[in-house]
Amino acid sequence: MLATVKCLGVYISACSSFKCSYDHVKLKFHRALNCFILSKSFSELISIELVKAYCLPLLLYAVESTVPDKQDVRMIDRCIDVVVR
């Protein structure tokens, strides 16, 4: 397990090159999705708007300022695919 440091909500891993960890982001996304949205009985349209307003910002926080590798991008895509299904 790599050592990580949290700085402004972004987890930076101890590597030879700059690398961020996105595992905590995935956990926060699924927690918000399960607890706040899927546990309630909303219509599909309301559920989609709630996901866009509350869950996607948790998943995409600081992605534009960091450099995710292909594996991290696939993880983010899989999280979004779960919501679409």
C-alpha atoms as a PDB file:
ATOM      1  CA  MET A   1       0.000   0.000   0.000  1.00  0.00           C
ATOM      2  CA  LEU A   2       1.357   3.365  -0.992  1.00  0.00           C
ATOM      3  CA  ALA A   3       1.536   6.202   1.463  1.00  0.00           C
ATOM      4  CA  THR A   4      -0.850   9.014   0.612  1.00  0.00           C
ATOM      5  CA  VAL A   5      -1.167  12.614   1.719  1.00  0.00           C
ATOM      6  CA  LYS A   6      -4.410  14.605   1.608  1.00  0.00           C
ATOM      7  CA  CYS A   7      -4.010  18.143   0.314  1.00  0.00           C
ATOM      8  CA  LEU A   8      -7.115  20.259  -0.418  1.00  0.00           C
ATOM      9  CA  GLY A   9      -9.248  17.143  -0.742  1.00  0.00           C
ATOM     10  CA  VAL A  10      -6.915  15.427  -3.217  1.00  0.00           C
ATOM     11  CA  TYR A  11      -4.988  12.330  -2.145  1.00  0.00           C
ATOM     12  CA  ILE A  12      -1.431  12.342  -3.511  1.00  0.00           C
ATOM     13  CA  SER A  13       0.355   8.995  -3.566  1.00  0.00           C
ATOM     14  CA  ALA A  14       4.031   8.524  -2.767  1.00  0.00           C
ATOM     15  CA  CYS A  15       5.545   7.500  -6.120  1.00  0.00           C
ATOM     16  CA  SER A  16       8.501   8.375  -8.272  1.00  0.00           C
ATOM     17  CA  SER A  17       6.167  10.533 -10.388  1.00  0.00           C
ATOM     18  CA  PHE A  18       3.100  12.645  -9.553  1.00  0.00           C
ATOM     19  CA  LYS A  19       0.122  10.348  -8.969  1.00  0.00           C
ATOM     20  CA  CYS A  20      -3.206  10.891  -7.266  1.00  0.00           C
ATOM     21  CA  SER A  21      -5.412   8.279  -5.624  1.00  0.00           C
ATOM     22  CA  TYR A  22      -9.089   8.186  -6.612  1.00  0.00           C
ATOM     23  CA  ASP A  23     -10.270   5.363  -4.346  1.00  0.00           C
ATOM     24  CA  HIS A  24     -11.768   7.733  -1.776  1.00  0.00           C
ATOM     25  CA  VAL A  25     -13.655   9.537  -4.573  1.00  0.00           C
ATOM     26  CA  LYS A  26     -15.243   6.285  -5.700  1.00  0.00           C
ATOM     27  CA  LEU A  27     -16.264   5.521  -2.116  1.00  0.00           C
ATOM     28  CA  LYS A  28     -17.852   8.954  -1.614  1.00  0.00           C
ATOM     29  CA  PHE A  29     -19.694   8.674  -4.933  1.00  0.00           C
ATOM     30  CA  HIS A  30     -21.200   5.273  -4.139  1.00  0.00           C
ATOM     31  CA  ARG A  31     -22.067   6.347  -0.596  1.00  0.00           C
ATOM     32  CA  ALA A  32     -23.970   9.402  -1.844  1.00  0.00           C
ATOM     33  CA  LEU A  33     -25.636   7.394  -4.587  1.00  0.00           C
ATOM     34  CA  ASN A  34     -26.829   4.604  -2.293  1.00  0.00           C
ATOM     35  CA  CYS A  35     -27.764   6.602   0.784  1.00  0.00           C
ATOM     36  CA  PHE A  36     -29.386   9.686  -0.649  1.00  0.00           C
ATOM     37  CA  ILE A  37     -30.750   8.781  -4.055  1.00  0.00           C
ATOM     38  CA  LEU A  38     -31.316   5.075  -4.604  1.00  0.00           C
ATOM     39  CA  SER A  39     -32.758   4.493  -1.139  1.00  0.00           C
ATOM     40  CA  LYS A  40     -35.608   6.941  -1.844  1.00  0.00           C
ATOM     41  CA  SER A  41     -38.401   6.412  -4.330  1.00  0.00           C
ATOM     42  CA  PHE A  42     -38.079   9.337  -6.739  1.00  0.00           C
ATOM     43  CA  SER A  43     -39.113   9.421 -10.361  1.00  0.00           C
ATOM     44  CA  GLU A  44     -36.394   8.697 -12.927  1.00  0.00           C
ATOM     45  CA  LEU A  45     -36.103  12.330 -13.979  1.00  0.00           C
ATOM     46  CA  ILE A  46     -35.667  13.558 -10.408  1.00  0.00           C
ATOM     47  CA  SER A  47     -33.124  10.806  -9.706  1.00  0.00           C
ATOM     48  CA  ILE A  48     -31.058  11.818 -12.727  1.00  0.00           C
ATOM     49  CA  GLU A  49     -31.057  15.465 -11.684  1.00  0.00           C
ATOM     50  CA  LEU A  50     -30.046  14.525  -8.125  1.00  0.00           C
ATOM     51  CA  VAL A  51     -27.185  12.404  -9.431  1.00  0.00           C
ATOM     52  CA  LYS A  52     -26.011  15.287 -11.613  1.00  0.00           C
ATOM     53  CA  ALA A  53     -26.274  17.752  -8.737  1.00  0.00           C
ATOM     54  CA  TYR A  54     -24.864  15.724  -5.829  1.00  0.00           C
ATOM     55  CA  CYS A  55     -22.993  12.616  -6.980  1.00  0.00           C
ATOM     56  CA  LEU A  56     -21.103  13.710 -10.090  1.00  0.00           C
ATOM     57  CA  PRO A  57     -19.387  16.647  -8.355  1.00  0.00           C
ATOM     58  CA  LEU A  58     -18.088  14.192  -5.738  1.00  0.00           C
ATOM     59  CA  LEU A  59     -16.763  11.918  -8.468  1.00  0.00           C
ATOM     60  CA  LEU A  60     -15.212  14.643 -10.618  1.00  0.00           C
ATOM     61  CA  TYR A  61     -13.723  16.827  -7.879  1.00  0.00           C
ATOM     62  CA  ALA A  62     -10.241  18.064  -8.895  1.00  0.00           C
ATOM     63  CA  VAL A  63     -10.016  15.716 -11.899  1.00  0.00           C
ATOM     64  CA  GLU A  64      -9.300  18.617 -14.230  1.00  0.00           C
ATOM     65  CA  SER A  65      -6.337  19.765 -12.126  1.00  0.00           C
ATOM     66  CA  THR A  66      -4.810  16.312 -11.680  1.00  0.00           C
ATOM     67  CA  VAL A  67      -3.644  13.880 -14.323  1.00  0.00           C
ATOM     68  CA  PRO A  68      -5.615  10.620 -14.046  1.00  0.00           C
ATOM     69  CA  ASP A  69      -4.124   7.637 -15.834  1.00  0.00           C
ATOM     70  CA  LYS A  70      -6.136   5.286 -18.061  1.00  0.00           C
ATOM     71  CA  GLN A  71      -7.053   3.013 -15.172  1.00  0.00           C
ATOM     72  CA  ASP A  72      -8.495   5.908 -13.166  1.00  0.00           C
ATOM     73  CA  VAL A  73     -10.468   7.173 -16.165  1.00  0.00           C
ATOM     74  CA  ARG A  74     -11.948   3.682 -16.644  1.00  0.00           C
ATOM     75  CA  MET A  75     -12.896   3.602 -12.947  1.00  0.00           C
ATOM     76  CA  ILE A  76     -14.737   6.921 -13.314  1.00  0.00           C
ATOM     77  CA  ASP A  77     -16.468   5.649 -16.466  1.00  0.00           C
ATOM     78  CA  ARG A  78     -17.598   2.492 -14.658  1.00  0.00           C
ATOM     79  CA  CYS A  79     -19.060   4.557 -11.827  1.00  0.00           C
ATOM     80  CA  ILE A  80     -21.072   6.611 -14.299  1.00  0.00           C
ATOM     81  CA  ASP A  81     -22.160   3.428 -16.109  1.00  0.00           C
ATOM     82  CA  VAL A  82     -23.561   2.065 -12.846  1.00  0.00           C
ATOM     83  CA  VAL A  83     -25.795   5.106 -12.523  1.00  0.00           C
ATOM     84  CA  VAL A  84     -26.994   4.897 -16.111  1.00  0.00           C
ATOM     85  CA  ARG A  85     -28.019   1.259 -15.725  1.00  0.00           C
END
